[in-house]
C-alpha cells in the first residue's frame, strides 16, 4: 500500500476512536437558541464539513484550452491538396 492510503486509514481510525470517547452531552449555543448536543455529533459534523471544504479547496481547477475542443481531424489527402506543386516536388 502507498503511504497516502496508510495515512488515510490511520487518520480515519484516530477520528473514529476520538468520536467514540467523546459521547457526553454539552451545552451548545446556537445563534438564537441553546441546546444539549452530544460531543460526538458536534465533532463529527465539524470533521465532515472540514473534509468537504478541504476537498473543494484542494481539487484541481478545470481549465479549458484549445486542445480540449473537438475538431474534425484533417485527412492527409486534404493536406496534400493545400501545398503547392513546387513544395510537393521538393518533398518527393
C-alpha atoms as a PDB file:
ATOM      1  CA  UNK A   1       0.000   0.000   0.000  1.00  0.00           C
ATOM      2  CA  UNK A   2       1.049   3.557  -0.619  1.00  0.00           C
ATOM      3  CA  UNK A   3       1.884   5.966   2.192  1.00  0.00           C
ATOM      4  CA  UNK A   4      -1.134   8.128   1.373  1.00  0.00           C
ATOM      5  CA  UNK A   5      -3.515   5.171   1.789  1.00  0.00           C
ATOM      6  CA  UNK A   6      -1.933   4.178   5.105  1.00  0.00           C
ATOM      7  CA  UNK A   7      -2.188   7.781   6.351  1.00  0.00           C
ATOM      8  CA  UNK A   8      -5.886   7.944   5.432  1.00  0.00           C
ATOM      9  CA  UNK A   9      -6.614   4.654   7.218  1.00  0.00           C
ATOM     10  CA  UNK A  10      -4.729   5.689  10.375  1.00  0.00           C
ATOM     11  CA  UNK A  11      -6.362   9.128  10.392  1.00  0.00           C
ATOM     12  CA  UNK A  12      -9.834   7.616   9.979  1.00  0.00           C
ATOM     13  CA  UNK A  13      -9.245   5.183  12.846  1.00  0.00           C
ATOM     14  CA  UNK A  14      -7.996   8.002  15.104  1.00  0.00           C
ATOM     15  CA  UNK A  15     -11.010  10.197  14.307  1.00  0.00           C
ATOM     16  CA  UNK A  16     -13.378   7.267  14.952  1.00  0.00           C
ATOM     17  CA  UNK A  17     -11.761   6.462  18.327  1.00  0.00           C
ATOM     18  CA  UNK A  18     -11.803  10.153  19.273  1.00  0.00           C
ATOM     19  CA  UNK A  19     -15.501  10.397  18.417  1.00  0.00           C
ATOM     20  CA  UNK A  20     -16.402   7.267  20.387  1.00  0.00           C
ATOM     21  CA  UNK A  21     -14.607   8.564  23.513  1.00  0.00           C
ATOM     22  CA  UNK A  22     -16.467  11.918  23.478  1.00  0.00           C
ATOM     23  CA  UNK A  23     -20.121  10.916  23.708  1.00  0.00           C
ATOM     24  CA  UNK A  24     -21.288  13.019  26.684  1.00  0.00           C
ATOM     25  CA  UNK A  25     -23.762  15.892  26.328  1.00  0.00           C
ATOM     26  CA  UNK A  26     -22.600  19.515  26.139  1.00  0.00           C
ATOM     27  CA  UNK A  27     -24.462  22.791  26.072  1.00  0.00           C
ATOM     28  CA  UNK A  28     -24.201  24.119  22.528  1.00  0.00           C
ATOM     29  CA  UNK A  29     -25.145  27.740  21.918  1.00  0.00           C
ATOM     30  CA  UNK A  30     -26.727  28.334  18.525  1.00  0.00           C
ATOM     31  CA  UNK A  31     -27.398  31.889  17.343  1.00  0.00           C
ATOM     32  CA  UNK A  32     -30.995  32.061  18.617  1.00  0.00           C
ATOM     33  CA  UNK A  33     -31.224  29.078  20.966  1.00  0.00           C
ATOM     34  CA  UNK A  34     -29.240  26.839  23.257  1.00  0.00           C
ATOM     35  CA  UNK A  35     -29.429  23.056  23.183  1.00  0.00           C
ATOM     36  CA  UNK A  36     -27.869  19.989  24.770  1.00  0.00           C
ATOM     37  CA  UNK A  37     -25.978  18.197  21.999  1.00  0.00           C
ATOM     38  CA  UNK A  38     -23.661  15.204  22.055  1.00  0.00           C
ATOM     39  CA  UNK A  39     -19.958  15.949  21.597  1.00  0.00           C
ATOM     40  CA  UNK A  40     -19.955  13.066  19.129  1.00  0.00           C
ATOM     41  CA  UNK A  41     -22.408  14.903  16.894  1.00  0.00           C
ATOM     42  CA  UNK A  42     -20.638  18.271  17.119  1.00  0.00           C
ATOM     43  CA  UNK A  43     -17.163  16.886  16.416  1.00  0.00           C
ATOM     44  CA  UNK A  44     -18.460  14.552  13.700  1.00  0.00           C
ATOM     45  CA  UNK A  45     -20.307  17.307  11.846  1.00  0.00           C
ATOM     46  CA  UNK A  46     -17.327  19.679  12.098  1.00  0.00           C
ATOM     47  CA  UNK A  47     -14.962  16.986  10.814  1.00  0.00           C
ATOM     48  CA  UNK A  48     -17.281  16.159   7.914  1.00  0.00           C
ATOM     49  CA  UNK A  49     -17.634  19.832   6.952  1.00  0.00           C
ATOM     50  CA  UNK A  50     -13.833  20.185   7.181  1.00  0.00           C
ATOM     51  CA  UNK A  51     -13.313  17.255   4.803  1.00  0.00           C
ATOM     52  CA  UNK A  52     -15.810  18.698   2.317  1.00  0.00           C
ATOM     53  CA  UNK A  53     -14.240  22.172   2.432  1.00  0.00           C
ATOM     54  CA  UNK A  54     -10.733  20.707   2.154  1.00  0.00           C
ATOM     55  CA  UNK A  55     -11.745  18.658  -0.872  1.00  0.00           C
ATOM     56  CA  UNK A  56     -13.346  21.664  -2.560  1.00  0.00           C
ATOM     57  CA  UNK A  57     -10.301  23.856  -1.866  1.00  0.00           C
ATOM     58  CA  UNK A  58      -7.758  21.246  -2.913  1.00  0.00           C
ATOM     59  CA  UNK A  59      -9.273  19.795  -6.060  1.00  0.00           C
ATOM     60  CA  UNK A  60      -7.634  20.798  -9.329  1.00  0.00           C
ATOM     61  CA  UNK A  61      -9.300  23.588 -11.231  1.00  0.00           C
ATOM     62  CA  UNK A  62     -10.814  22.774 -14.609  1.00  0.00           C
ATOM     63  CA  UNK A  63      -9.051  24.634 -17.377  1.00  0.00           C
ATOM     64  CA  UNK A  64     -10.313  24.827 -20.907  1.00  0.00           C
ATOM     65  CA  UNK A  65      -7.745  25.060 -23.637  1.00  0.00           C
ATOM     66  CA  UNK A  66      -7.859  24.903 -27.398  1.00  0.00           C
ATOM     67  CA  UNK A  67      -6.713  21.288 -27.193  1.00  0.00           C
ATOM     68  CA  UNK A  68      -9.929  20.297 -25.402  1.00  0.00           C
ATOM     69  CA  UNK A  69     -12.205  21.430 -28.205  1.00  0.00           C
ATOM     70  CA  UNK A  70     -13.326  18.752 -30.569  1.00  0.00           C
ATOM     71  CA  UNK A  71     -12.439  19.446 -34.161  1.00  0.00           C
ATOM     72  CA  UNK A  72     -12.529  17.214 -37.185  1.00  0.00           C
ATOM     73  CA  UNK A  73      -9.194  15.596 -37.904  1.00  0.00           C
ATOM     74  CA  UNK A  74      -7.506  16.612 -41.099  1.00  0.00           C
ATOM     75  CA  UNK A  75      -7.310  13.912 -43.690  1.00  0.00           C
ATOM     76  CA  UNK A  76      -3.751  13.556 -45.049  1.00  0.00           C
ATOM     77  CA  UNK A  77      -5.026  13.895 -48.606  1.00  0.00           C
ATOM     78  CA  UNK A  78      -6.545  17.281 -47.720  1.00  0.00           C
ATOM     79  CA  UNK A  79      -3.143  18.458 -46.542  1.00  0.00           C
ATOM     80  CA  UNK A  80      -1.557  17.284 -49.767  1.00  0.00           C
ATOM     81  CA  UNK A  81      -4.004  19.463 -51.709  1.00  0.00           C
ATOM     82  CA  UNK A  82      -3.126  22.530 -49.626  1.00  0.00           C
ATOM     83  CA  UNK A  83       0.576  22.629 -50.561  1.00  0.00           C
ATOM     84  CA  UNK A  84       1.845  23.935 -53.851  1.00  0.00           C
ATOM     85  CA  UNK A  85       3.149  21.788 -56.711  1.00  0.00           C
ATOM     86  CA  UNK A  86       6.603  23.225 -56.169  1.00  0.00           C
ATOM     87  CA  UNK A  87       6.629  22.104 -52.498  1.00  0.00           C
ATOM     88  CA  UNK A  88       5.232  18.689 -53.412  1.00  0.00           C
ATOM     89  CA  UNK A  89       8.077  18.178 -55.942  1.00  0.00           C
ATOM     90  CA  UNK A  90      10.642  19.185 -53.333  1.00  0.00           C
ATOM     91  CA  UNK A  91       9.265  16.726 -50.747  1.00  0.00           C
ATOM     92  CA  UNK A  92       9.177  13.811 -53.192  1.00  0.00           C
END
